[in-house]
Amino acid sequence: MSNKLLPVPRRELIRRLGKLGFVGPFPGAGHEYMSRGLLEVRIPNPHGSDISTALLQKILKRAGISREEWFDTD
């Protein structure tokens, strides 16, 4: 398996974050979010497009998720 991040659909992001202990998504002011303890991560709404690798990297960094953890949820 490659350790290269690839674009993912929004549903896939939500599914994997759920496997990593996040709950939600919950409605927010501008975007939905998922939470784990006190940590909240906004979930983008790309309107039918996949979430880009650049944005996915930012989300994973904000959530404190390593690449290994991300790939283990596949």
PDB file of N, CA and C in Angstrom:
ATOM      1  N   MET A   1       0.828  -1.180   0.000  1.00  0.00           N
ATOM      2  CA  MET A   1       0.000   0.000   0.000  1.00  0.00           C
ATOM      3  C   MET A   1       0.875   1.247   0.000  1.00  0.00           C
ATOM      4  N   SER A   2       0.484   2.221  -0.781  1.00  0.00           N
ATOM      5  CA  SER A   2       1.225   3.466  -0.897  1.00  0.00           C
ATOM      6  C   SER A   2       0.894   4.398   0.266  1.00  0.00           C
ATOM      7  N   ASN A   3       1.870   5.186   0.676  1.00  0.00           N
ATOM      8  CA  ASN A   3       1.635   6.188   1.713  1.00  0.00           C
ATOM      9  C   ASN A   3       1.334   7.546   1.109  1.00  0.00           C
ATOM     10  N   LYS A   4       0.852   7.553  -0.116  1.00  0.00           N
ATOM     11  CA  LYS A   4       0.522   8.799  -0.793  1.00  0.00           C
ATOM     12  C   LYS A   4      -0.949   9.128  -0.548  1.00  0.00           C
ATOM     13  N   LEU A   5      -1.188  10.334  -0.040  1.00  0.00           N
ATOM     14  CA  LEU A   5      -2.570  10.767   0.155  1.00  0.00           C
ATOM     15  C   LEU A   5      -3.215  11.019  -1.196  1.00  0.00           C
ATOM     16  N   LEU A   6      -4.466  10.624  -1.305  1.00  0.00           N
ATOM     17  CA  LEU A   6      -5.236  10.832  -2.522  1.00  0.00           C
ATOM     18  C   LEU A   6      -6.501  11.600  -2.173  1.00  0.00           C
ATOM     19  N   PRO A   7      -7.082  12.315  -3.142  1.00  0.00           N
ATOM     20  CA  PRO A   7      -8.359  12.983  -2.876  1.00  0.00           C
ATOM     21  C   PRO A   7      -9.402  11.964  -2.416  1.00  0.00           C
ATOM     22  N   VAL A   8     -10.283  12.392  -1.509  1.00  0.00           N
ATOM     23  CA  VAL A   8     -11.320  11.500  -0.990  1.00  0.00           C
ATOM     24  C   VAL A   8     -12.679  12.188  -1.051  1.00  0.00           C
ATOM     25  N   PRO A   9     -13.733  11.409  -1.267  1.00  0.00           N
ATOM     26  CA  PRO A   9     -15.080  11.977  -1.178  1.00  0.00           C
ATOM     27  C   PRO A   9     -15.393  12.363   0.273  1.00  0.00           C
ATOM     28  N   ARG A  10     -16.285  13.291   0.446  1.00  0.00           N
ATOM     29  CA  ARG A  10     -16.687  13.768   1.777  1.00  0.00           C
ATOM     30  C   ARG A  10     -17.164  12.615   2.664  1.00  0.00           C
ATOM     31  N   ARG A  11     -17.968  11.726   2.110  1.00  0.00           N
ATOM     32  CA  ARG A  11     -18.479  10.586   2.896  1.00  0.00           C
ATOM     33  C   ARG A  11     -17.342   9.707   3.418  1.00  0.00           C
ATOM     34  N   GLU A  12     -16.315   9.532   2.606  1.00  0.00           N
ATOM     35  CA  GLU A  12     -15.158   8.725   3.018  1.00  0.00           C
ATOM     36  C   GLU A  12     -14.415   9.404   4.166  1.00  0.00           C
ATOM     37  N   LEU A  13     -14.256  10.717   4.090  1.00  0.00           N
ATOM     38  CA  LEU A  13     -13.610  11.463   5.175  1.00  0.00           C
ATOM     39  C   LEU A  13     -14.388  11.276   6.476  1.00  0.00           C
ATOM     40  N   ILE A  14     -15.698  11.418   6.414  1.00  0.00           N
ATOM     41  CA  ILE A  14     -16.542  11.263   7.603  1.00  0.00           C
ATOM     42  C   ILE A  14     -16.450   9.839   8.147  1.00  0.00           C
ATOM     43  N   ARG A  15     -16.470   8.853   7.268  1.00  0.00           N
ATOM     44  CA  ARG A  15     -16.389   7.450   7.690  1.00  0.00           C
ATOM     45  C   ARG A  15     -15.070   7.175   8.411  1.00  0.00           C
ATOM     46  N   ARG A  16     -13.977   7.635   7.828  1.00  0.00           N
ATOM     47  CA  ARG A  16     -12.667   7.374   8.432  1.00  0.00           C
ATOM     48  C   ARG A  16     -12.479   8.126   9.744  1.00  0.00           C
ATOM     49  N   LEU A  17     -12.932   9.371   9.798  1.00  0.00           N
ATOM     50  CA  LEU A  17     -12.831  10.110  11.059  1.00  0.00           C
ATOM     51  C   LEU A  17     -13.645   9.410  12.145  1.00  0.00           C
ATOM     52  N   GLY A  18     -14.787   8.858  11.769  1.00  0.00           N
ATOM     53  CA  GLY A  18     -15.597   8.100  12.724  1.00  0.00           C
ATOM     54  C   GLY A  18     -14.847   6.900  13.270  1.00  0.00           C
ATOM     55  N   LYS A  19     -14.116   6.208  12.403  1.00  0.00           N
ATOM     56  CA  LYS A  19     -13.318   5.060  12.851  1.00  0.00           C
ATOM     57  C   LYS A  19     -12.193   5.487  13.789  1.00  0.00           C
ATOM     58  N   LEU A  20     -11.773   6.747  13.674  1.00  0.00           N
ATOM     59  CA  LEU A  20     -10.694   7.262  14.513  1.00  0.00           C
ATOM     60  C   LEU A  20     -11.215   7.931  15.786  1.00  0.00           C
ATOM     61  N   GLY A  21     -12.496   7.736  16.082  1.00  0.00           N
ATOM     62  CA  GLY A  21     -13.043   8.209  17.344  1.00  0.00           C
ATOM     63  C   GLY A  21     -13.783   9.529  17.304  1.00  0.00           C
ATOM     64  N   PHE A  22     -13.923  10.121  16.136  1.00  0.00           N
ATOM     65  CA  PHE A  22     -14.663  11.373  16.027  1.00  0.00           C
ATOM     66  C   PHE A  22     -16.150  11.065  15.927  1.00  0.00           C
ATOM     67  N   VAL A  23     -16.979  11.957  16.464  1.00  0.00           N
ATOM     68  CA  VAL A  23     -18.431  11.810  16.370  1.00  0.00           C
ATOM     69  C   VAL A  23     -18.991  12.979  15.573  1.00  0.00           C
ATOM     70  N   GLY A  24     -20.132  12.755  14.968  1.00  0.00           N
ATOM     71  CA  GLY A  24     -20.764  13.783  14.141  1.00  0.00           C
ATOM     72  C   GLY A  24     -20.947  13.244  12.741  1.00  0.00           C
ATOM     73  N   PRO A  25     -21.165  14.074  11.793  1.00  0.00           N
ATOM     74  CA  PRO A  25     -21.002  15.528  11.807  1.00  0.00           C
ATOM     75  C   PRO A  25     -22.192  16.249  12.432  1.00  0.00           C
ATOM     76  N   PHE A  26     -21.867  17.406  13.019  1.00  0.00           N
ATOM     77  CA  PHE A  26     -22.852  18.278  13.643  1.00  0.00           C
ATOM     78  C   PHE A  26     -22.925  19.574  12.850  1.00  0.00           C
ATOM     79  N   PRO A  27     -24.098  20.224  12.834  1.00  0.00           N
ATOM     80  CA  PRO A  27     -24.187  21.505  12.121  1.00  0.00           C
ATOM     81  C   PRO A  27     -23.372  22.576  12.834  1.00  0.00           C
ATOM     82  N   GLY A  28     -22.709  23.399  12.045  1.00  0.00           N
ATOM     83  CA  GLY A  28     -21.931  24.508  12.590  1.00  0.00           C
ATOM     84  C   GLY A  28     -22.375  25.809  11.952  1.00  0.00           C
ATOM     85  N   ALA A  29     -21.678  26.878  12.237  1.00  0.00           N
ATOM     86  CA  ALA A  29     -22.039  28.191  11.703  1.00  0.00           C
ATOM     87  C   ALA A  29     -21.920  28.226  10.183  1.00  0.00           C
ATOM     88  N   GLY A  30     -20.825  27.730   9.643  1.00  0.00           N
ATOM     89  CA  GLY A  30     -20.621  27.749   8.201  1.00  0.00           C
ATOM     90  C   GLY A  30     -20.453  26.367   7.603  1.00  0.00           C
ATOM     91  N   HIS A  31     -19.859  25.471   8.374  1.00  0.00           N
ATOM     92  CA  HIS A  31     -19.609  24.104   7.924  1.00  0.00           C
ATOM     93  C   HIS A  31     -19.990  23.148   9.041  1.00  0.00           C
ATOM     94  N   GLU A  32     -20.267  21.920   8.663  1.00  0.00           N
ATOM     95  CA  GLU A  32     -20.453  20.894   9.680  1.00  0.00           C
ATOM     96  C   GLU A  32     -19.097  20.596  10.309  1.00  0.00           C
ATOM     97  N   TYR A  33     -19.122  19.986  11.492  1.00  0.00           N
ATOM     98  CA  TYR A  33     -17.876  19.614  12.153  1.00  0.00           C
ATOM     99  C   TYR A  33     -18.046  18.271  12.836  1.00  0.00           C
ATOM    100  N   MET A  34     -16.908  17.643  13.119  1.00  0.00           N
ATOM    101  CA  MET A  34     -16.875  16.411  13.895  1.00  0.00           C
ATOM    102  C   MET A  34     -15.991  16.685  15.105  1.00  0.00           C
ATOM    103  N   SER A  35     -16.253  15.973  16.196  1.00  0.00           N
ATOM    104  CA  SER A  35     -15.482  16.234  17.406  1.00  0.00           C
ATOM    105  C   SER A  35     -14.998  14.940  18.045  1.00  0.00           C
ATOM    106  N   ARG A  36     -13.899  15.088  18.769  1.00  0.00           N
ATOM    107  CA  ARG A  36     -13.328  14.014  19.592  1.00  0.00           C
ATOM    108  C   ARG A  36     -12.811  14.706  20.846  1.00  0.00           C
ATOM    109  N   GLY A  37     -13.531  14.531  21.942  1.00  0.00           N
ATOM    110  CA  GLY A  37     -13.189  15.275  23.154  1.00  0.00           C
ATOM    111  C   GLY A  37     -13.443  16.756  22.924  1.00  0.00           C
ATOM    112  N   LEU A  38     -12.452  17.577  23.221  1.00  0.00           N
ATOM    113  CA  LEU A  38     -12.579  19.020  23.024  1.00  0.00           C
ATOM    114  C   LEU A  38     -12.164  19.467  21.625  1.00  0.00           C
ATOM    115  N   LEU A  39     -11.618  18.565  20.839  1.00  0.00           N
ATOM    116  CA  LEU A  39     -11.139  18.894  19.498  1.00  0.00           C
ATOM    117  C   LEU A  39     -12.288  18.880  18.496  1.00  0.00           C
ATOM    118  N   GLU A  40     -12.405  19.949  17.719  1.00  0.00           N
ATOM    119  CA  GLU A  40     -13.409  20.019  16.659  1.00  0.00           C
ATOM    120  C   GLU A  40     -12.708  20.208  15.324  1.00  0.00           C
ATOM    121  N   VAL A  41     -13.170  19.465  14.318  1.00  0.00           N
ATOM    122  CA  VAL A  41     -12.601  19.547  12.973  1.00  0.00           C
ATOM    123  C   VAL A  41     -13.729  19.865  12.005  1.00  0.00           C
ATOM    124  N   ARG A  42     -13.572  20.942  11.237  1.00  0.00           N
ATOM    125  CA  ARG A  42     -14.579  21.304  10.245  1.00  0.00           C
ATOM    126  C   ARG A  42     -14.551  20.331   9.083  1.00  0.00           C
ATOM    127  N   ILE A  43     -15.743  20.018   8.586  1.00  0.00           N
ATOM    128  CA  ILE A  43     -15.878  19.113   7.452  1.00  0.00           C
ATOM    129  C   ILE A  43     -16.271  19.942   6.236  1.00  0.00           C
ATOM    130  N   PRO A  44     -15.422  19.990   5.215  1.00  0.00           N
ATOM    131  CA  PRO A  44     -15.750  20.788   4.035  1.00  0.00           C
ATOM    132  C   PRO A  44     -16.878  20.160   3.232  1.00  0.00           C
ATOM    133  N   ASN A  45     -17.533  20.984   2.451  1.00  0.00           N
ATOM    134  CA  ASN A  45     -18.594  20.529   1.561  1.00  0.00           C
ATOM    135  C   ASN A  45     -18.179  20.895   0.138  1.00  0.00           C
ATOM    136  N   PRO A  46     -17.474  19.991  -0.554  1.00  0.00           N
ATOM    137  CA  PRO A  46     -16.921  20.327  -1.871  1.00  0.00           C
ATOM    138  C   PRO A  46     -17.930  20.285  -3.010  1.00  0.00           C
ATOM    139  N   HIS A  47     -19.218  20.158  -2.708  1.00  0.00           N
ATOM    140  CA  HIS A  47     -20.278  20.200  -3.723  1.00  0.00           C
ATOM    141  C   HIS A  47     -20.046  19.197  -4.848  1.00  0.00           C
ATOM    142  N   GLY A  48     -19.948  17.943  -4.478  1.00  0.00           N
ATOM    143  CA  GLY A  48     -19.834  16.883  -5.466  1.00  0.00           C
ATOM    144  C   GLY A  48     -18.416  16.514  -5.851  1.00  0.00           C
ATOM    145  N   SER A  49     -17.459  17.362  -5.532  1.00  0.00           N
ATOM    146  CA  SER A  49     -16.061  17.059  -5.850  1.00  0.00           C
ATOM    147  C   SER A  49     -15.407  16.357  -4.668  1.00  0.00           C
ATOM    148  N   ASP A  50     -14.290  15.705  -4.938  1.00  0.00           N
ATOM    149  CA  ASP A  50     -13.515  15.095  -3.861  1.00  0.00           C
ATOM    150  C   ASP A  50     -12.772  16.177  -3.084  1.00  0.00           C
ATOM    151  N   ILE A  51     -12.423  15.869  -1.848  1.00  0.00           N
ATOM    152  CA  ILE A  51     -11.620  16.764  -1.021  1.00  0.00           C
ATOM    153  C   ILE A  51     -10.176  16.608  -1.473  1.00  0.00           C
ATOM    154  N   SER A  52      -9.543  17.711  -1.819  1.00  0.00           N
ATOM    155  CA  SER A  52      -8.188  17.675  -2.373  1.00  0.00           C
ATOM    156  C   SER A  52      -7.186  17.168  -1.342  1.00  0.00           C
ATOM    157  N   THR A  53      -6.045  16.716  -1.837  1.00  0.00           N
ATOM    158  CA  THR A  53      -5.004  16.219  -0.934  1.00  0.00           C
ATOM    159  C   THR A  53      -4.478  17.339  -0.046  1.00  0.00           C
ATOM    160  N   ALA A  54      -4.374  18.561  -0.576  1.00  0.00           N
ATOM    161  CA  ALA A  54      -3.884  19.685   0.224  1.00  0.00           C
ATOM    162  C   ALA A  54      -4.828  19.959   1.395  1.00  0.00           C
ATOM    163  N   LEU A  55      -6.125  19.973   1.131  1.00  0.00           N
ATOM    164  CA  LEU A  55      -7.100  20.208   2.200  1.00  0.00           C
ATOM    165  C   LEU A  55      -7.139  19.024   3.162  1.00  0.00           C
ATOM    166  N   LEU A  56      -7.020  17.816   2.639  1.00  0.00           N
ATOM    167  CA  LEU A  56      -6.997  16.627   3.491  1.00  0.00           C
ATOM    168  C   LEU A  56      -5.809  16.679   4.452  1.00  0.00           C
ATOM    169  N   GLN A  57      -4.640  17.104   3.965  1.00  0.00           N
ATOM    170  CA  GLN A  57      -3.463  17.235   4.829  1.00  0.00           C
ATOM    171  C   GLN A  57      -3.731  18.219   5.965  1.00  0.00           C
ATOM    172  N   LYS A  58      -4.379  19.338   5.652  1.00  0.00           N
ATOM    173  CA  LYS A  58      -4.692  20.337   6.676  1.00  0.00           C
ATOM    174  C   LYS A  58      -5.663  19.776   7.714  1.00  0.00           C
ATOM    175  N   ILE A  59      -6.653  19.030   7.250  1.00  0.00           N
ATOM    176  CA  ILE A  59      -7.637  18.437   8.164  1.00  0.00           C
ATOM    177  C   ILE A  59      -6.959  17.428   9.085  1.00  0.00           C
ATOM    178  N   LEU A  60      -6.117  16.568   8.516  1.00  0.00           N
ATOM    179  CA  LEU A  60      -5.427  15.555   9.322  1.00  0.00           C
ATOM    180  C   LEU A  60      -4.498  16.205  10.345  1.00  0.00           C
ATOM    181  N   LYS A  61      -3.804  17.256   9.934  1.00  0.00           N
ATOM    182  CA  LYS A  61      -2.907  17.955  10.860  1.00  0.00           C
ATOM    183  C   LYS A  61      -3.707  18.575  12.003  1.00  0.00           C
ATOM    184  N   ARG A  62      -4.809  19.226  11.680  1.00  0.00           N
ATOM    185  CA  ARG A  62      -5.668  19.855  12.697  1.00  0.00           C
ATOM    186  C   ARG A  62      -6.221  18.803  13.662  1.00  0.00           C
ATOM    187  N   ALA A  63      -6.535  17.624  13.118  1.00  0.00           N
ATOM    188  CA  ALA A  63      -7.118  16.553  13.928  1.00  0.00           C
ATOM    189  C   ALA A  63      -6.063  15.757  14.693  1.00  0.00           C
ATOM    190  N   GLY A  64      -4.787  15.987  14.406  1.00  0.00           N
ATOM    191  CA  GLY A  64      -3.727  15.241  15.079  1.00  0.00           C
ATOM    192  C   GLY A  64      -3.644  13.795  14.625  1.00  0.00           C
ATOM    193  N   ILE A  65      -3.978  13.557  13.348  1.00  0.00           N
ATOM    194  CA  ILE A  65      -3.987  12.203  12.791  1.00  0.00           C
ATOM    195  C   ILE A  65      -2.760  12.024  11.902  1.00  0.00           C
ATOM    196  N   SER A  66      -1.982  10.986  12.175  1.00  0.00           N
ATOM    197  CA  SER A  66      -0.805  10.702  11.352  1.00  0.00           C
ATOM    198  C   SER A  66      -1.230   9.991  10.068  1.00  0.00           C
ATOM    199  N   ARG A  67      -0.336   9.978   9.112  1.00  0.00           N
ATOM    200  CA  ARG A  67      -0.617   9.254   7.861  1.00  0.00           C
ATOM    201  C   ARG A  67      -0.847   7.768   8.135  1.00  0.00           C
ATOM    202  N   GLU A  68      -0.069   7.203   9.050  1.00  0.00           N
ATOM    203  CA  GLU A  68      -0.217   5.785   9.372  1.00  0.00           C
ATOM    204  C   GLU A  68      -1.612   5.502   9.920  1.00  0.00           C
ATOM    205  N   GLU A  69      -2.068   6.363  10.830  1.00  0.00           N
ATOM    206  CA  GLU A  69      -3.424   6.193  11.374  1.00  0.00           C
ATOM    207  C   GLU A  69      -4.463   6.307  10.261  1.00  0.00           C
ATOM    208  N   TRP A  70      -4.278   7.277   9.369  1.00  0.00           N
ATOM    209  CA  TRP A  70      -5.222   7.486   8.267  1.00  0.00           C
ATOM    210  C   TRP A  70      -5.302   6.248   7.381  1.00  0.00           C
ATOM    211  N   PHE A  71      -4.140   5.706   7.017  1.00  0.00           N
ATOM    212  CA  PHE A  71      -4.133   4.546   6.124  1.00  0.00           C
ATOM    213  C   PHE A  71      -4.617   3.280   6.830  1.00  0.00           C
ATOM    214  N   ASP A  72      -4.463   3.204   8.144  1.00  0.00           N
ATOM    215  CA  ASP A  72      -4.955   2.039   8.891  1.00  0.00           C
ATOM    216  C   ASP A  72      -6.475   1.980   8.938  1.00  0.00           C
ATOM    217  N   THR A  73      -7.157   3.090   8.666  1.00  0.00           N
ATOM    218  CA  THR A  73      -8.621   3.107   8.704  1.00  0.00           C
ATOM    219  C   THR A  73      -9.236   2.650   7.396  1.00  0.00           C
ATOM    220  N   ASP A  74      -8.426   2.419   6.385  1.00  0.00           N
ATOM    221  CA  ASP A  74      -8.947   2.034   5.068  1.00  0.00           C
ATOM    222  C   ASP A  74      -9.628   0.689   5.100  1.00  0.00           C
TER     223      ASP A  74
END
